[in-house]
Amino acid sequence: MATSLRRTSGGLAAALLVLAAAAAFPGRVPPRVDDPRPNVIIILTDDQSIDTLPSDPPAMPWLQARIADPQDHWTWFPNAFVNTPLCCPSRATLLTGLYSHHTGVQDNDDGHLLDERATLAVRLHDAGYRTGLIGKYLNLYPFGRGPYMPPGWDRWVGKGNRSAATVYYGYPLVDQGVPVTGGFAPADFERAGATWWLESVSPMRGSFADLRAIAEAGPPR
């Protein structure tokens, strides 16, 4: 009994000491430290021809106006090129910074060959960024593997690419690893991406969002 009382007294003394310390420094909280790194958003269009930016009349008025305004801090790359001008190889290059002969994705059927552990999303996530992809990922995703989220993404809404009948409406999605059907209103996809972006941006943590539009040219790839 004496041992039990001594232990109880010692615990009470420790608790009182904590309370006294809290009372001595009321309202003191650690100062907020903002992340100096920029937030990054990529809006990737699908099958957009080179003559649409710039064009007269503008095909994309808001974006063309931003590019034309020297005070709007946009950068124009008139000499940019891709080494493999196909959909899936270009998407793999954008995600890795590597030529297609290094990614292994050299045709539209090769998306399953990408090393998804070595993408920009993984690097940014490991650096503390909050990452998300909304839209078309790689052609033929999910490659017969069942619904899955590639590594490195905090928010994932990936579109399946199988049928011409579900290109724009009623398409299969993988939402955080769960198979769902979406696209019953024209702005469903864009709204999902914009909502995630607005809710996730924080001055204390960098954000990276990859928003990808959908188009159909020829057989579904």
C-alpha atoms as a PDB file:
ATOM      1  CA  MET A   1       0.000   0.000   0.000  1.00  0.00           C
ATOM      2  CA  ALA A   2       2.809   2.403   0.860  1.00  0.00           C
ATOM      3  CA  THR A   3       4.417   1.761  -2.539  1.00  0.00           C
ATOM      4  CA  SER A   4       1.101   2.400  -4.298  1.00  0.00           C
ATOM      5  CA  LEU A   5       0.614   5.684  -2.416  1.00  0.00           C
ATOM      6  CA  ARG A   6       4.116   6.871  -3.248  1.00  0.00           C
ATOM      7  CA  ARG A   7       3.539   6.158  -6.947  1.00  0.00           C
ATOM      8  CA  THR A   8       0.217   8.000  -6.874  1.00  0.00           C
ATOM      9  CA  SER A   9       1.783  10.996  -5.158  1.00  0.00           C
ATOM     10  CA  GLY A  10       4.623  11.076  -7.660  1.00  0.00           C
ATOM     11  CA  GLY A  11       2.190  11.009 -10.608  1.00  0.00           C
ATOM     12  CA  LEU A  12       0.105  13.808  -9.066  1.00  0.00           C
ATOM     13  CA  ALA A  13       3.208  15.932  -8.523  1.00  0.00           C
ATOM     14  CA  ALA A  14       4.248  15.462 -12.156  1.00  0.00           C
ATOM     15  CA  ALA A  15       0.782  16.444 -13.372  1.00  0.00           C
ATOM     16  CA  LEU A  16       0.786  19.568 -11.207  1.00  0.00           C
ATOM     17  CA  LEU A  17       4.206  20.515 -12.541  1.00  0.00           C
ATOM     18  CA  VAL A  18       2.915  20.307 -16.126  1.00  0.00           C
ATOM     19  CA  LEU A  19      -0.100  22.455 -15.256  1.00  0.00           C
ATOM     20  CA  ALA A  20       2.123  25.032 -13.573  1.00  0.00           C
ATOM     21  CA  ALA A  21       4.357  25.228 -16.627  1.00  0.00           C
ATOM     22  CA  ALA A  22       1.332  25.706 -18.899  1.00  0.00           C
ATOM     23  CA  ALA A  23       0.016  28.490 -16.667  1.00  0.00           C
ATOM     24  CA  ALA A  24       3.365  30.247 -16.706  1.00  0.00           C
ATOM     25  CA  PHE A  25       3.336  30.514 -20.520  1.00  0.00           C
ATOM     26  CA  PRO A  26      -0.314  31.081 -21.490  1.00  0.00           C
ATOM     27  CA  GLY A  27      -1.221  31.273 -25.169  1.00  0.00           C
ATOM     28  CA  ARG A  28       2.249  30.381 -26.386  1.00  0.00           C
ATOM     29  CA  VAL A  29       2.133  28.410 -29.653  1.00  0.00           C
ATOM     30  CA  PRO A  30       4.939  27.669 -32.100  1.00  0.00           C
ATOM     31  CA  PRO A  31       5.170  30.307 -34.835  1.00  0.00           C
ATOM     32  CA  ARG A  32       3.835  29.250 -38.226  1.00  0.00           C
ATOM     33  CA  VAL A  33       6.524  28.650 -40.802  1.00  0.00           C
ATOM     34  CA  ASP A  34       5.325  29.048 -44.378  1.00  0.00           C
ATOM     35  CA  ASP A  35       6.786  26.836 -47.080  1.00  0.00           C
ATOM     36  CA  PRO A  36       8.732  29.106 -49.466  1.00  0.00           C
ATOM     37  CA  ARG A  37       8.429  26.626 -52.316  1.00  0.00           C
ATOM     38  CA  PRO A  38       5.885  27.412 -55.049  1.00  0.00           C
ATOM     39  CA  ASN A  39       2.640  25.595 -55.632  1.00  0.00           C
ATOM     40  CA  VAL A  40       2.613  23.951 -59.068  1.00  0.00           C
ATOM     41  CA  ILE A  41      -0.367  23.190 -61.297  1.00  0.00           C
ATOM     42  CA  ILE A  42      -0.138  21.489 -64.700  1.00  0.00           C
ATOM     43  CA  ILE A  43      -3.143  21.587 -67.034  1.00  0.00           C
ATOM     44  CA  LEU A  44      -2.536  19.061 -69.793  1.00  0.00           C
ATOM     45  CA  THR A  45      -4.797  19.182 -72.847  1.00  0.00           C
ATOM     46  CA  ASP A  46      -5.318  16.152 -75.058  1.00  0.00           C
ATOM     47  CA  ASP A  47      -4.847  16.142 -78.856  1.00  0.00           C
ATOM     48  CA  GLN A  48      -4.577  19.933 -79.069  1.00  0.00           C
ATOM     49  CA  SER A  49      -3.128  21.088 -82.386  1.00  0.00           C
ATOM     50  CA  ILE A  50      -0.188  23.495 -82.519  1.00  0.00           C
ATOM     51  CA  ASP A  51      -2.135  26.138 -84.445  1.00  0.00           C
ATOM     52  CA  THR A  52      -4.576  26.790 -81.573  1.00  0.00           C
ATOM     53  CA  LEU A  53      -2.132  28.902 -79.520  1.00  0.00           C
ATOM     54  CA  PRO A  54      -2.085  31.594 -80.650  1.00  0.00           C
ATOM     55  CA  SER A  55      -4.999  31.646 -83.057  1.00  0.00           C
ATOM     56  CA  ASP A  56      -7.399  34.224 -84.486  1.00  0.00           C
ATOM     57  CA  PRO A  57     -10.069  34.108 -83.243  1.00  0.00           C
ATOM     58  CA  PRO A  58      -8.599  32.598 -80.064  1.00  0.00           C
ATOM     59  CA  ALA A  59      -9.457  28.957 -79.483  1.00  0.00           C
ATOM     60  CA  MET A  60      -8.594  29.407 -75.796  1.00  0.00           C
ATOM     61  CA  PRO A  61      -9.203  33.131 -75.115  1.00  0.00           C
ATOM     62  CA  TRP A  62      -8.281  33.231 -71.421  1.00  0.00           C
ATOM     63  CA  LEU A  63      -5.032  31.306 -71.834  1.00  0.00           C
ATOM     64  CA  GLN A  64      -4.013  33.191 -74.962  1.00  0.00           C
ATOM     65  CA  ALA A  65      -4.554  36.502 -73.157  1.00  0.00           C
ATOM     66  CA  ARG A  66      -2.360  35.360 -70.258  1.00  0.00           C
ATOM     67  CA  ILE A  67       0.464  34.345 -72.563  1.00  0.00           C
ATOM     68  CA  ALA A  68       0.265  37.628 -74.481  1.00  0.00           C
ATOM     69  CA  ASP A  69       0.455  39.763 -71.321  1.00  0.00           C
ATOM     70  CA  PRO A  70       4.123  40.398 -70.369  1.00  0.00           C
ATOM     71  CA  GLN A  71       3.044  41.351 -66.841  1.00  0.00           C
ATOM     72  CA  ASP A  72       1.289  38.035 -66.216  1.00  0.00           C
ATOM     73  CA  HIS A  73       4.496  36.028 -65.630  1.00  0.00           C
ATOM     74  CA  TRP A  74       3.764  33.249 -68.100  1.00  0.00           C
ATOM     75  CA  THR A  75       6.588  31.680 -70.090  1.00  0.00           C
ATOM     76  CA  TRP A  76       6.260  30.780 -73.758  1.00  0.00           C
ATOM     77  CA  PHE A  77       8.474  28.051 -75.236  1.00  0.00           C
ATOM     78  CA  PRO A  78       8.208  28.494 -79.029  1.00  0.00           C
ATOM     79  CA  ASN A  79      11.050  26.029 -79.733  1.00  0.00           C
ATOM     80  CA  ALA A  80       9.858  23.200 -77.499  1.00  0.00           C
ATOM     81  CA  PHE A  81       9.721  19.727 -79.000  1.00  0.00           C
ATOM     82  CA  VAL A  82       9.074  16.109 -78.030  1.00  0.00           C
ATOM     83  CA  ASN A  83      11.278  13.245 -79.128  1.00  0.00           C
ATOM     84  CA  THR A  84       8.346  10.832 -79.538  1.00  0.00           C
ATOM     85  CA  PRO A  85       5.236  12.751 -80.664  1.00  0.00           C
ATOM     86  CA  LEU A  86       2.719  10.206 -79.428  1.00  0.00           C
ATOM     87  CA  CYS A  87       0.287  10.444 -76.539  1.00  0.00           C
ATOM     88  CA  CYS A  88       1.534   7.840 -74.053  1.00  0.00           C
ATOM     89  CA  PRO A  89       5.301   8.367 -74.584  1.00  0.00           C
ATOM     90  CA  SER A  90       4.838  12.120 -74.118  1.00  0.00           C
ATOM     91  CA  ARG A  91       2.864  11.608 -70.918  1.00  0.00           C
ATOM     92  CA  ALA A  92       5.565   9.305 -69.549  1.00  0.00           C
ATOM     93  CA  THR A  93       8.244  11.873 -70.409  1.00  0.00           C
ATOM     94  CA  LEU A  94       6.293  14.624 -68.650  1.00  0.00           C
ATOM     95  CA  LEU A  95       6.087  12.480 -65.519  1.00  0.00           C
ATOM     96  CA  THR A  96       9.781  11.561 -65.486  1.00  0.00           C
ATOM     97  CA  GLY A  97      11.808  14.086 -67.512  1.00  0.00           C
ATOM     98  CA  LEU A  98      13.272  11.178 -69.478  1.00  0.00           C
ATOM     99  CA  TYR A  99      13.346  10.383 -73.180  1.00  0.00           C
ATOM    100  CA  SER A 100      11.045   7.573 -74.247  1.00  0.00           C
ATOM    101  CA  HIS A 101      13.909   5.128 -74.833  1.00  0.00           C
ATOM    102  CA  HIS A 102      14.739   5.550 -71.135  1.00  0.00           C
ATOM    103  CA  THR A 103      11.164   5.299 -69.825  1.00  0.00           C
ATOM    104  CA  GLY A 104      10.500   2.240 -72.001  1.00  0.00           C
ATOM    105  CA  VAL A 105       7.245   3.853 -73.157  1.00  0.00           C
ATOM    106  CA  GLN A 106       7.798   4.233 -76.907  1.00  0.00           C
ATOM    107  CA  ASP A 107       4.291   3.546 -78.166  1.00  0.00           C
ATOM    108  CA  ASN A 108       0.734   4.095 -76.995  1.00  0.00           C
ATOM    109  CA  ASP A 109       0.527   0.497 -75.804  1.00  0.00           C
ATOM    110  CA  ASP A 110       3.600   0.729 -73.550  1.00  0.00           C
ATOM    111  CA  GLY A 111       2.220   2.599 -70.535  1.00  0.00           C
ATOM    112  CA  HIS A 112       2.517  -0.487 -68.345  1.00  0.00           C
ATOM    113  CA  LEU A 113       6.311  -0.371 -68.804  1.00  0.00           C
ATOM    114  CA  LEU A 114       6.747   2.931 -66.951  1.00  0.00           C
ATOM    115  CA  ASP A 115       8.596   2.658 -63.651  1.00  0.00           C
ATOM    116  CA  GLU A 116       5.990   4.398 -61.511  1.00  0.00           C
ATOM    117  CA  ARG A 117       8.381   4.516 -58.551  1.00  0.00           C
ATOM    118  CA  ALA A 118      10.566   7.068 -60.370  1.00  0.00           C
ATOM    119  CA  THR A 119       8.139   9.836 -61.324  1.00  0.00           C
ATOM    120  CA  LEU A 120       7.918  13.513 -60.497  1.00  0.00           C
ATOM    121  CA  ALA A 121       5.030  12.733 -58.152  1.00  0.00           C
ATOM    122  CA  VAL A 122       7.169  10.405 -56.047  1.00  0.00           C
ATOM    123  CA  ARG A 123       9.997  12.924 -55.801  1.00  0.00           C
ATOM    124  CA  LEU A 124       7.713  15.811 -54.863  1.00  0.00           C
ATOM    125  CA  HIS A 125       5.778  13.710 -52.363  1.00  0.00           C
ATOM    126  CA  ASP A 126       9.026  12.633 -50.714  1.00  0.00           C
ATOM    127  CA  ALA A 127      10.026  16.310 -50.556  1.00  0.00           C
ATOM    128  CA  GLY A 128       6.866  17.141 -48.606  1.00  0.00           C
ATOM    129  CA  TYR A 129       4.536  18.265 -51.386  1.00  0.00           C
ATOM    130  CA  ARG A 130       0.866  17.318 -51.494  1.00  0.00           C
ATOM    131  CA  THR A 131       0.322  15.765 -54.913  1.00  0.00           C
ATOM    132  CA  GLY A 132      -2.700  14.958 -57.039  1.00  0.00           C
ATOM    133  CA  LEU A 133      -3.636  13.821 -60.538  1.00  0.00           C
ATOM    134  CA  ILE A 134      -7.123  14.277 -61.952  1.00  0.00           C
ATOM    135  CA  GLY A 135      -7.884  12.935 -65.431  1.00  0.00           C
ATOM    136  CA  LYS A 136      -6.221  10.834 -68.093  1.00  0.00           C
ATOM    137  CA  TYR A 137      -3.018   9.256 -66.776  1.00  0.00           C
ATOM    138  CA  LEU A 138      -1.438   6.908 -69.328  1.00  0.00           C
ATOM    139  CA  ASN A 139      -3.095   5.155 -72.248  1.00  0.00           C
ATOM    140  CA  LEU A 140      -4.761   1.848 -71.327  1.00  0.00           C
ATOM    141  CA  TYR A 141      -4.552   2.554 -67.577  1.00  0.00           C
ATOM    142  CA  PRO A 142      -5.073   0.541 -65.329  1.00  0.00           C
ATOM    143  CA  PHE A 143      -3.375  -1.988 -67.649  1.00  0.00           C
ATOM    144  CA  GLY A 144      -5.479  -4.935 -66.501  1.00  0.00           C
ATOM    145  CA  ARG A 145      -4.114  -4.659 -62.954  1.00  0.00           C
ATOM    146  CA  GLY A 146      -7.407  -3.744 -61.377  1.00  0.00           C
ATOM    147  CA  PRO A 147      -8.050  -0.331 -59.773  1.00  0.00           C
ATOM    148  CA  TYR A 148      -4.887   1.028 -58.214  1.00  0.00           C
ATOM    149  CA  MET A 149      -3.147   4.294 -57.328  1.00  0.00           C
ATOM    150  CA  PRO A 150       0.403   4.721 -58.622  1.00  0.00           C
ATOM    151  CA  PRO A 151       2.903   5.650 -55.904  1.00  0.00           C
ATOM    152  CA  GLY A 152       3.544   9.278 -55.040  1.00  0.00           C
ATOM    153  CA  TRP A 153       0.001  10.632 -55.344  1.00  0.00           C
ATOM    154  CA  ASP A 154      -2.006  11.913 -52.359  1.00  0.00           C
ATOM    155  CA  ARG A 155      -5.124  12.558 -54.462  1.00  0.00           C
ATOM    156  CA  TRP A 156      -5.913  10.346 -57.416  1.00  0.00           C
ATOM    157  CA  VAL A 157      -8.825  10.340 -59.853  1.00  0.00           C
ATOM    158  CA  GLY A 158      -7.556   8.409 -62.883  1.00  0.00           C
ATOM    159  CA  LYS A 159      -9.684   7.815 -65.972  1.00  0.00           C
ATOM    160  CA  GLY A 160      -9.873   4.426 -67.644  1.00  0.00           C
ATOM    161  CA  ASN A 161      -9.330   4.438 -71.416  1.00  0.00           C
ATOM    162  CA  ARG A 162     -11.070   1.515 -73.055  1.00  0.00           C
ATOM    163  CA  SER A 163     -14.192   2.400 -75.028  1.00  0.00           C
ATOM    164  CA  ALA A 164     -15.107   5.127 -77.506  1.00  0.00           C
ATOM    165  CA  ALA A 165     -18.603   5.103 -75.993  1.00  0.00           C
ATOM    166  CA  THR A 166     -17.351   6.395 -72.635  1.00  0.00           C
ATOM    167  CA  VAL A 167     -14.800   9.003 -73.707  1.00  0.00           C
ATOM    168  CA  TYR A 168     -16.681  12.034 -72.395  1.00  0.00           C
ATOM    169  CA  TYR A 169     -19.595  10.677 -70.339  1.00  0.00           C
ATOM    170  CA  GLY A 170     -20.125   7.669 -68.096  1.00  0.00           C
ATOM    171  CA  TYR A 171     -16.434   6.814 -68.074  1.00  0.00           C
ATOM    172  CA  PRO A 172     -14.705   4.480 -65.609  1.00  0.00           C
ATOM    173  CA  LEU A 173     -12.633   6.161 -62.921  1.00  0.00           C
ATOM    174  CA  VAL A 174     -10.314   5.021 -60.186  1.00  0.00           C
ATOM    175  CA  ASP A 175     -10.939   7.394 -57.263  1.00  0.00           C
ATOM    176  CA  GLN A 176      -8.372   6.820 -54.498  1.00  0.00           C
ATOM    177  CA  GLY A 177      -8.094   3.185 -55.574  1.00  0.00           C
ATOM    178  CA  VAL A 178     -11.868   2.642 -55.747  1.00  0.00           C
ATOM    179  CA  PRO A 179     -13.577   1.962 -59.123  1.00  0.00           C
ATOM    180  CA  VAL A 180     -16.421   4.394 -59.841  1.00  0.00           C
ATOM    181  CA  THR A 181     -18.252   5.795 -62.862  1.00  0.00           C
ATOM    182  CA  GLY A 182     -18.218   9.523 -63.550  1.00  0.00           C
ATOM    183  CA  GLY A 183     -18.762  12.185 -66.151  1.00  0.00           C
ATOM    184  CA  PHE A 184     -22.517  12.566 -66.239  1.00  0.00           C
ATOM    185  CA  ALA A 185     -22.204  16.369 -66.433  1.00  0.00           C
ATOM    186  CA  PRO A 186     -19.734  18.258 -68.647  1.00  0.00           C
ATOM    187  CA  ALA A 187     -17.830  19.853 -65.761  1.00  0.00           C
ATOM    188  CA  ASP A 188     -17.701  16.869 -63.378  1.00  0.00           C
ATOM    189  CA  PHE A 189     -14.059  16.079 -63.957  1.00  0.00           C
ATOM    190  CA  GLU A 190     -12.813  19.663 -63.919  1.00  0.00           C
ATOM    191  CA  ARG A 191     -14.869  20.425 -60.808  1.00  0.00           C
ATOM    192  CA  ALA A 192     -13.343  17.476 -58.964  1.00  0.00           C
ATOM    193  CA  GLY A 193      -9.851  18.669 -59.791  1.00  0.00           C
ATOM    194  CA  ALA A 194     -10.501  22.307 -58.958  1.00  0.00           C
ATOM    195  CA  THR A 195     -12.140  21.424 -55.646  1.00  0.00           C
ATOM    196  CA  TRP A 196      -9.178  19.320 -54.566  1.00  0.00           C
ATOM    197  CA  TRP A 197      -6.725  22.045 -55.590  1.00  0.00           C
ATOM    198  CA  LEU A 198      -8.511  24.850 -53.759  1.00  0.00           C
ATOM    199  CA  GLU A 199      -8.939  22.780 -50.604  1.00  0.00           C
ATOM    200  CA  SER A 200      -5.364  21.506 -50.535  1.00  0.00           C
ATOM    201  CA  VAL A 201      -3.366  24.693 -51.108  1.00  0.00           C
ATOM    202  CA  SER A 202      -1.620  25.700 -47.900  1.00  0.00           C
ATOM    203  CA  PRO A 203       1.137  28.251 -47.237  1.00  0.00           C
ATOM    204  CA  MET A 204       2.703  25.670 -44.922  1.00  0.00           C
ATOM    205  CA  ARG A 205       3.006  22.929 -47.545  1.00  0.00           C
ATOM    206  CA  GLY A 206       3.669  22.995 -51.291  1.00  0.00           C
ATOM    207  CA  SER A 207       1.085  21.483 -53.625  1.00  0.00           C
ATOM    208  CA  PHE A 208       1.477  19.856 -57.039  1.00  0.00           C
ATOM    209  CA  ALA A 209      -1.645  19.220 -59.134  1.00  0.00           C
ATOM    210  CA  ASP A 210      -1.719  17.577 -62.560  1.00  0.00           C
ATOM    211  CA  LEU A 211      -5.107  18.212 -64.204  1.00  0.00           C
ATOM    212  CA  ARG A 212      -5.611  16.372 -67.493  1.00  0.00           C
ATOM    213  CA  ALA A 213      -8.337  16.992 -70.041  1.00  0.00           C
ATOM    214  CA  ILE A 214      -9.849  14.257 -72.187  1.00  0.00           C
ATOM    215  CA  ALA A 215     -10.094  14.051 -75.966  1.00  0.00           C
ATOM    216  CA  GLU A 216     -10.745  11.318 -78.470  1.00  0.00           C
ATOM    217  CA  ALA A 217      -8.946  11.008 -81.802  1.00  0.00           C
ATOM    218  CA  GLY A 218      -9.394   7.707 -83.584  1.00  0.00           C
ATOM    219  CA  PRO A 219      -9.680   4.420 -81.691  1.00  0.00           C
ATOM    220  CA  PRO A 220      -9.631   4.733 -77.895  1.00  0.00           C
ATOM    221  CA  ARG A 221      -6.051   4.401 -76.685  1.00  0.00           C
END
